[in-house]
PDB file of all heavy atoms in Angstrom:
ATOM      1  N   HIS A   1       0.835  -1.204   0.000  1.00  0.00           N
ATOM      2  CA  HIS A   1       0.000   0.000   0.000  1.00  0.00           C
ATOM      3  C   HIS A   1       0.874   1.260   0.000  1.00  0.00           C
ATOM      4  O   HIS A   1       0.591   2.219  -0.727  1.00  0.00           O
ATOM      5  CB  HIS A   1      -0.908  -0.019   1.223  1.00  0.00           C
ATOM      6  CG  HIS A   1      -1.828   1.164   1.308  1.00  0.00           C
ATOM      7  ND1 HIS A   1      -2.953   1.292   0.520  1.00  0.00           N
ATOM      8  CD2 HIS A   1      -1.775   2.292   2.071  1.00  0.00           C
ATOM      9  CE1 HIS A   1      -3.565   2.424   0.807  1.00  0.00           C
ATOM     10  NE2 HIS A   1      -2.865   3.049   1.745  1.00  0.00           N
ATOM     11  N   LYS A   2       1.939   1.244   0.807  1.00  0.00           N
ATOM     12  CA  LYS A   2       2.842   2.405   0.851  1.00  0.00           C
ATOM     13  C   LYS A   2       3.528   2.619  -0.494  1.00  0.00           C
ATOM     14  O   LYS A   2       3.693   3.758  -0.943  1.00  0.00           O
ATOM     15  CB  LYS A   2       3.887   2.204   1.952  1.00  0.00           C
ATOM     16  CG  LYS A   2       3.344   2.359   3.366  1.00  0.00           C
ATOM     17  CD  LYS A   2       4.442   2.188   4.409  1.00  0.00           C
ATOM     18  CE  LYS A   2       3.906   2.396   5.817  1.00  0.00           C
ATOM     19  NZ  LYS A   2       4.951   2.223   6.847  1.00  0.00           N
ATOM     20  N   ARG A   3       3.927   1.518  -1.146  1.00  0.00           N
ATOM     21  CA  ARG A   3       4.557   1.639  -2.467  1.00  0.00           C
ATOM     22  C   ARG A   3       3.590   2.244  -3.485  1.00  0.00           C
ATOM     23  O   ARG A   3       3.966   3.084  -4.304  1.00  0.00           O
ATOM     24  CB  ARG A   3       5.048   0.267  -2.939  1.00  0.00           C
ATOM     25  CG  ARG A   3       6.304  -0.224  -2.238  1.00  0.00           C
ATOM     26  CD  ARG A   3       6.932  -1.378  -2.989  1.00  0.00           C
ATOM     27  NE  ARG A   3       6.071  -2.535  -3.022  1.00  0.00           N
ATOM     28  CZ  ARG A   3       6.126  -3.528  -2.147  1.00  0.00           C
ATOM     29  NH1 ARG A   3       7.004  -3.479  -1.168  1.00  0.00           N
ATOM     30  NH2 ARG A   3       5.319  -4.563  -2.245  1.00  0.00           N
ATOM     31  N   GLN A   4       2.337   1.808  -3.445  1.00  0.00           N
ATOM     32  CA  GLN A   4       1.343   2.335  -4.379  1.00  0.00           C
ATOM     33  C   GLN A   4       1.073   3.811  -4.122  1.00  0.00           C
ATOM     34  O   GLN A   4       0.937   4.601  -5.063  1.00  0.00           O
ATOM     35  CB  GLN A   4       0.047   1.528  -4.262  1.00  0.00           C
ATOM     36  CG  GLN A   4       0.157   0.111  -4.801  1.00  0.00           C
ATOM     37  CD  GLN A   4      -1.098  -0.695  -4.575  1.00  0.00           C
ATOM     38  OE1 GLN A   4      -1.887  -0.404  -3.682  1.00  0.00           O
ATOM     39  NE2 GLN A   4      -1.305  -1.726  -5.378  1.00  0.00           N
ATOM     40  N   VAL A   5       1.008   4.204  -2.859  1.00  0.00           N
ATOM     41  CA  VAL A   5       0.796   5.614  -2.519  1.00  0.00           C
ATOM     42  C   VAL A   5       1.980   6.462  -2.986  1.00  0.00           C
ATOM     43  O   VAL A   5       1.810   7.561  -3.520  1.00  0.00           O
ATOM     44  CB  VAL A   5       0.590   5.772  -0.987  1.00  0.00           C
ATOM     45  CG1 VAL A   5       0.613   7.242  -0.601  1.00  0.00           C
ATOM     46  CG2 VAL A   5      -0.727   5.134  -0.578  1.00  0.00           C
ATOM     47  N   THR A   6       3.201   5.929  -2.833  1.00  0.00           N
ATOM     48  CA  THR A   6       4.393   6.642  -3.297  1.00  0.00           C
ATOM     49  C   THR A   6       4.373   6.829  -4.812  1.00  0.00           C
ATOM     50  O   THR A   6       4.665   7.910  -5.329  1.00  0.00           O
ATOM     51  CB  THR A   6       5.662   5.864  -2.892  1.00  0.00           C
ATOM     52  OG1 THR A   6       5.688   5.710  -1.472  1.00  0.00           O
ATOM     53  CG2 THR A   6       6.915   6.601  -3.343  1.00  0.00           C
ATOM     54  N   ALA A   7       4.001   5.761  -5.534  1.00  0.00           N
ATOM     55  CA  ALA A   7       3.910   5.842  -6.995  1.00  0.00           C
ATOM     56  C   ALA A   7       2.857   6.856  -7.420  1.00  0.00           C
ATOM     57  O   ALA A   7       3.057   7.631  -8.366  1.00  0.00           O
ATOM     58  CB  ALA A   7       3.586   4.464  -7.579  1.00  0.00           C
ATOM     59  N   LEU A   8       1.735   6.859  -6.722  1.00  0.00           N
ATOM     60  CA  LEU A   8       0.660   7.811  -7.019  1.00  0.00           C
ATOM     61  C   LEU A   8       1.124   9.244  -6.782  1.00  0.00           C
ATOM     62  O   LEU A   8       0.855  10.138  -7.591  1.00  0.00           O
ATOM     63  CB  LEU A   8      -0.542   7.494  -6.135  1.00  0.00           C
ATOM     64  CG  LEU A   8      -1.855   8.229  -6.436  1.00  0.00           C
ATOM     65  CD1 LEU A   8      -2.357   7.887  -7.817  1.00  0.00           C
ATOM     66  CD2 LEU A   8      -2.904   7.880  -5.403  1.00  0.00           C
ATOM     67  N   THR A   9       1.851   9.476  -5.708  1.00  0.00           N
ATOM     68  CA  THR A   9       2.371  10.814  -5.403  1.00  0.00           C
ATOM     69  C   THR A   9       3.344  11.291  -6.468  1.00  0.00           C
ATOM     70  O   THR A   9       3.300  12.445  -6.901  1.00  0.00           O
ATOM     71  CB  THR A   9       3.068  10.797  -4.024  1.00  0.00           C
ATOM     72  OG1 THR A   9       2.156  10.316  -3.039  1.00  0.00           O
ATOM     73  CG2 THR A   9       3.534  12.187  -3.646  1.00  0.00           C
ATOM     74  N   MET A  10       4.223  10.385  -6.921  1.00  0.00           N
ATOM     75  CA  MET A  10       5.195  10.746  -7.959  1.00  0.00           C
ATOM     76  C   MET A  10       4.499  11.081  -9.271  1.00  0.00           C
ATOM     77  O   MET A  10       4.873  12.033  -9.964  1.00  0.00           O
ATOM     78  CB  MET A  10       6.185   9.596  -8.155  1.00  0.00           C
ATOM     79  CG  MET A  10       7.108   9.362  -6.968  1.00  0.00           C
ATOM     80  SD  MET A  10       8.163   7.910  -7.171  1.00  0.00           S
ATOM     81  CE  MET A  10       9.171   8.423  -8.572  1.00  0.00           C
ATOM     82  N   LYS A  11       3.476  10.299  -9.614  1.00  0.00           N
ATOM     83  CA  LYS A  11       2.730  10.574 -10.844  1.00  0.00           C
ATOM     84  C   LYS A  11       2.060  11.942 -10.784  1.00  0.00           C
ATOM     85  O   LYS A  11       2.066  12.698 -11.755  1.00  0.00           O
ATOM     86  CB  LYS A  11       1.677   9.486 -11.075  1.00  0.00           C
ATOM     87  CG  LYS A  11       2.228   8.188 -11.592  1.00  0.00           C
ATOM     88  CD  LYS A  11       2.687   8.310 -13.027  1.00  0.00           C
ATOM     89  CE  LYS A  11       3.163   6.993 -13.579  1.00  0.00           C
ATOM     90  NZ  LYS A  11       3.697   7.134 -14.949  1.00  0.00           N
ATOM     91  N   LEU A  12       1.475  12.262  -9.647  1.00  0.00           N
ATOM     92  CA  LEU A  12       0.829  13.560  -9.492  1.00  0.00           C
ATOM     93  C   LEU A  12       1.832  14.701  -9.623  1.00  0.00           C
ATOM     94  O   LEU A  12       1.538  15.736 -10.228  1.00  0.00           O
ATOM     95  CB  LEU A  12       0.126  13.625  -8.131  1.00  0.00           C
ATOM     96  CG  LEU A  12      -1.160  12.799  -7.994  1.00  0.00           C
ATOM     97  CD1 LEU A  12      -1.661  12.823  -6.561  1.00  0.00           C
ATOM     98  CD2 LEU A  12      -2.248  13.322  -8.929  1.00  0.00           C
ATOM     99  N   ALA A  13       3.028  14.517  -9.076  1.00  0.00           N
ATOM    100  CA  ALA A  13       4.067  15.544  -9.188  1.00  0.00           C
ATOM    101  C   ALA A  13       4.479  15.754 -10.647  1.00  0.00           C
ATOM    102  O   ALA A  13       4.669  16.887 -11.105  1.00  0.00           O
ATOM    103  CB  ALA A  13       5.276  15.150  -8.344  1.00  0.00           C
ATOM    104  N   GLU A  14       4.599  14.645 -11.401  1.00  0.00           N
ATOM    105  CA  GLU A  14       4.945  14.749 -12.821  1.00  0.00           C
ATOM    106  C   GLU A  14       3.858  15.485 -13.599  1.00  0.00           C
ATOM    107  O   GLU A  14       4.142  16.328 -14.459  1.00  0.00           O
ATOM    108  CB  GLU A  14       5.155  13.351 -13.409  1.00  0.00           C
ATOM    109  CG  GLU A  14       6.398  12.648 -12.883  1.00  0.00           C
ATOM    110  CD  GLU A  14       6.507  11.226 -13.404  1.00  0.00           C
ATOM    111  OE1 GLU A  14       5.646  10.828 -14.223  1.00  0.00           O
ATOM    112  OE2 GLU A  14       7.427  10.517 -12.982  1.00  0.00           O
ATOM    113  N   LEU A  15       2.599  15.163 -13.306  1.00  0.00           N
ATOM    114  CA  LEU A  15       1.490  15.822 -13.994  1.00  0.00           C
ATOM    115  C   LEU A  15       1.454  17.316 -13.673  1.00  0.00           C
ATOM    116  O   LEU A  15       1.167  18.135 -14.551  1.00  0.00           O
ATOM    117  CB  LEU A  15       0.160  15.171 -13.600  1.00  0.00           C
ATOM    118  CG  LEU A  15      -0.088  13.759 -14.143  1.00  0.00           C
ATOM    119  CD1 LEU A  15      -1.383  13.200 -13.583  1.00  0.00           C
ATOM    120  CD2 LEU A  15      -0.131  13.761 -15.657  1.00  0.00           C
ATOM    121  N   GLN A  16       1.752  17.670 -12.442  1.00  0.00           N
ATOM    122  CA  GLN A  16       1.779  19.083 -12.072  1.00  0.00           C
ATOM    123  C   GLN A  16       2.857  19.832 -12.858  1.00  0.00           C
ATOM    124  O   GLN A  16       2.634  20.949 -13.335  1.00  0.00           O
ATOM    125  CB  GLN A  16       2.032  19.221 -10.563  1.00  0.00           C
ATOM    126  CG  GLN A  16       0.826  18.842  -9.711  1.00  0.00           C
ATOM    127  CD  GLN A  16       1.136  18.842  -8.231  1.00  0.00           C
ATOM    128  OE1 GLN A  16       2.286  18.881  -7.834  1.00  0.00           O
ATOM    129  NE2 GLN A  16       0.097  18.771  -7.407  1.00  0.00           N
ATOM    130  N   SER A  17       4.031  19.211 -13.021  1.00  0.00           N
ATOM    131  CA  SER A  17       5.104  19.837 -13.799  1.00  0.00           C
ATOM    132  C   SER A  17       4.698  20.021 -15.258  1.00  0.00           C
ATOM    133  O   SER A  17       4.943  21.063 -15.867  1.00  0.00           O
ATOM    134  CB  SER A  17       6.369  18.977 -13.709  1.00  0.00           C
ATOM    135  OG  SER A  17       6.809  18.865 -12.380  1.00  0.00           O
ATOM    136  N   GLN A  18       4.058  18.990 -15.818  1.00  0.00           N
ATOM    137  CA  GLN A  18       3.622  19.086 -17.212  1.00  0.00           C
ATOM    138  C   GLN A  18       2.560  20.166 -17.385  1.00  0.00           C
ATOM    139  O   GLN A  18       2.561  20.899 -18.379  1.00  0.00           O
ATOM    140  CB  GLN A  18       3.089  17.734 -17.686  1.00  0.00           C
ATOM    141  CG  GLN A  18       4.175  16.679 -17.858  1.00  0.00           C
ATOM    142  CD  GLN A  18       3.623  15.339 -18.267  1.00  0.00           C
ATOM    143  OE1 GLN A  18       2.513  14.967 -17.885  1.00  0.00           O
ATOM    144  NE2 GLN A  18       4.378  14.589 -19.029  1.00  0.00           N
ATOM    145  N   LEU A  19       1.656  20.265 -16.431  1.00  0.00           N
ATOM    146  CA  LEU A  19       0.611  21.289 -16.518  1.00  0.00           C
ATOM    147  C   LEU A  19       1.208  22.692 -16.429  1.00  0.00           C
ATOM    148  O   LEU A  19       0.740  23.614 -17.109  1.00  0.00           O
ATOM    149  CB  LEU A  19      -0.420  21.074 -15.408  1.00  0.00           C
ATOM    150  CG  LEU A  19      -1.379  19.897 -15.606  1.00  0.00           C
ATOM    151  CD1 LEU A  19      -2.244  19.702 -14.374  1.00  0.00           C
ATOM    152  CD2 LEU A  19      -2.257  20.105 -16.837  1.00  0.00           C
ATOM    153  N   LEU A  20       2.231  22.866 -15.601  1.00  0.00           N
ATOM    154  CA  LEU A  20       2.895  24.171 -15.519  1.00  0.00           C
ATOM    155  C   LEU A  20       3.521  24.550 -16.862  1.00  0.00           C
ATOM    156  O   LEU A  20       3.436  25.707 -17.291  1.00  0.00           O
ATOM    157  CB  LEU A  20       3.971  24.145 -14.425  1.00  0.00           C
ATOM    158  CG  LEU A  20       3.461  24.134 -12.971  1.00  0.00           C
ATOM    159  CD1 LEU A  20       4.620  23.949 -12.011  1.00  0.00           C
ATOM    160  CD2 LEU A  20       2.723  25.432 -12.659  1.00  0.00           C
ATOM    161  N   ARG A  21       4.151  23.561 -17.525  1.00  0.00           N
ATOM    162  CA  ARG A  21       4.742  23.829 -18.849  1.00  0.00           C
ATOM    163  C   ARG A  21       3.658  24.186 -19.860  1.00  0.00           C
ATOM    164  O   ARG A  21       3.822  25.111 -20.669  1.00  0.00           O
ATOM    165  CB  ARG A  21       5.530  22.609 -19.333  1.00  0.00           C
ATOM    166  CG  ARG A  21       6.816  22.367 -18.592  1.00  0.00           C
ATOM    167  CD  ARG A  21       7.748  21.472 -19.395  1.00  0.00           C
ATOM    168  NE  ARG A  21       7.131  20.200 -19.743  1.00  0.00           N
ATOM    169  CZ  ARG A  21       7.205  19.114 -18.990  1.00  0.00           C
ATOM    170  NH1 ARG A  21       7.849  19.150 -17.837  1.00  0.00           N
ATOM    171  NH2 ARG A  21       6.643  17.987 -19.386  1.00  0.00           N
ATOM    172  N   LEU A  22       2.557  23.448 -19.829  1.00  0.00           N
ATOM    173  CA  LEU A  22       1.467  23.721 -20.763  1.00  0.00           C
ATOM    174  C   LEU A  22       0.868  25.107 -20.521  1.00  0.00           C
ATOM    175  O   LEU A  22       0.540  25.823 -21.474  1.00  0.00           O
ATOM    176  CB  LEU A  22       0.380  22.652 -20.626  1.00  0.00           C
ATOM    177  CG  LEU A  22       0.703  21.269 -21.208  1.00  0.00           C
ATOM    178  CD1 LEU A  22      -0.431  20.303 -20.927  1.00  0.00           C
ATOM    179  CD2 LEU A  22       0.966  21.353 -22.698  1.00  0.00           C
ATOM    180  N   ASN A  23       0.719  25.477 -19.254  1.00  0.00           N
ATOM    181  CA  ASN A  23       0.184  26.802 -18.946  1.00  0.00           C
ATOM    182  C   ASN A  23       1.106  27.906 -19.471  1.00  0.00           C
ATOM    183  O   ASN A  23       0.640  28.897 -20.038  1.00  0.00           O
ATOM    184  CB  ASN A  23      -0.001  26.960 -17.434  1.00  0.00           C
ATOM    185  CG  ASN A  23      -1.202  26.186 -16.924  1.00  0.00           C
ATOM    186  OD1 ASN A  23      -2.070  25.795 -17.698  1.00  0.00           O
ATOM    187  ND2 ASN A  23      -1.247  25.943 -15.624  1.00  0.00           N
ATOM    188  N   ALA A  24       2.418  27.729 -19.267  1.00  0.00           N
ATOM    189  CA  ALA A  24       3.377  28.727 -19.750  1.00  0.00           C
ATOM    190  C   ALA A  24       3.339  28.833 -21.273  1.00  0.00           C
ATOM    191  O   ALA A  24       3.361  29.939 -21.840  1.00  0.00           O
ATOM    192  CB  ALA A  24       4.780  28.368 -19.274  1.00  0.00           C
ATOM    193  N   LEU A  25       3.262  27.670 -21.929  1.00  0.00           N
ATOM    194  CA  LEU A  25       3.202  27.660 -23.390  1.00  0.00           C
ATOM    195  C   LEU A  25       1.894  28.269 -23.884  1.00  0.00           C
ATOM    196  O   LEU A  25       1.870  29.049 -24.844  1.00  0.00           O
ATOM    197  CB  LEU A  25       3.339  26.219 -23.895  1.00  0.00           C
ATOM    198  CG  LEU A  25       3.418  26.009 -25.409  1.00  0.00           C
ATOM    199  CD1 LEU A  25       4.573  26.799 -26.014  1.00  0.00           C
ATOM    200  CD2 LEU A  25       3.582  24.529 -25.724  1.00  0.00           C
ATOM    201  N   GLY A  26       0.784  27.953 -23.199  1.00  0.00           N
ATOM    202  CA  GLY A  26      -0.507  28.513 -23.578  1.00  0.00           C
ATOM    203  C   GLY A  26      -0.549  30.025 -23.410  1.00  0.00           C
ATOM    204  O   GLY A  26      -1.092  30.738 -24.267  1.00  0.00           O
ATOM    205  N   GLU A  27       0.022  30.530 -22.331  1.00  0.00           N
ATOM    206  CA  GLU A  27       0.062  31.982 -22.112  1.00  0.00           C
ATOM    207  C   GLU A  27       0.866  32.684 -23.205  1.00  0.00           C
ATOM    208  O   GLU A  27       0.483  33.747 -23.691  1.00  0.00           O
ATOM    209  CB  GLU A  27       0.665  32.282 -20.738  1.00  0.00           C
ATOM    210  CG  GLU A  27      -0.258  31.947 -19.577  1.00  0.00           C
ATOM    211  CD  GLU A  27       0.395  32.189 -18.236  1.00  0.00           C
ATOM    212  OE1 GLU A  27       1.607  32.518 -18.220  1.00  0.00           O
ATOM    213  OE2 GLU A  27      -0.281  32.057 -17.198  1.00  0.00           O
ATOM    214  N   ARG A  28       1.970  32.038 -23.586  1.00  0.00           N
ATOM    215  CA  ARG A  28       2.807  32.633 -24.637  1.00  0.00           C
ATOM    216  C   ARG A  28       2.057  32.712 -25.965  1.00  0.00           C
ATOM    217  O   ARG A  28       2.098  33.726 -26.662  1.00  0.00           O
ATOM    218  CB  ARG A  28       4.088  31.801 -24.793  1.00  0.00           C
ATOM    219  CG  ARG A  28       5.095  32.420 -25.761  1.00  0.00           C
ATOM    220  CD  ARG A  28       6.323  31.545 -25.868  1.00  0.00           C
ATOM    221  NE  ARG A  28       7.268  32.090 -26.828  1.00  0.00           N
ATOM    222  CZ  ARG A  28       8.328  31.443 -27.284  1.00  0.00           C
ATOM    223  NH1 ARG A  28       8.570  30.224 -26.863  1.00  0.00           N
ATOM    224  NH2 ARG A  28       9.137  32.001 -28.148  1.00  0.00           N
ATOM    225  N   LEU A  29       1.371  31.616 -26.304  1.00  0.00           N
ATOM    226  CA  LEU A  29       0.612  31.596 -27.556  1.00  0.00           C
ATOM    227  C   LEU A  29      -0.549  32.590 -27.503  1.00  0.00           C
ATOM    228  O   LEU A  29      -0.844  33.267 -28.496  1.00  0.00           O
ATOM    229  CB  LEU A  29       0.089  30.185 -27.827  1.00  0.00           C
ATOM    230  CG  LEU A  29       1.139  29.125 -28.182  1.00  0.00           C
ATOM    231  CD1 LEU A  29       0.506  27.746 -28.225  1.00  0.00           C
ATOM    232  CD2 LEU A  29       1.792  29.446 -29.522  1.00  0.00           C
ATOM    233  N   ALA A  30      -1.215  32.678 -26.348  1.00  0.00           N
ATOM    234  CA  ALA A  30      -2.337  33.604 -26.217  1.00  0.00           C
ATOM    235  C   ALA A  30      -1.873  35.058 -26.344  1.00  0.00           C
ATOM    236  O   ALA A  30      -2.529  35.876 -26.991  1.00  0.00           O
ATOM    237  CB  ALA A  30      -3.034  33.396 -24.868  1.00  0.00           C
TER     238      ALA A  30
END
């Protein structure tokens, strides 16, 4: 269970980083 929670946390962190990049790129295009 702890391993699965750790994997879930890491995935969420990666998605947050990708969303920040997309937001920056979207603002630039806008």
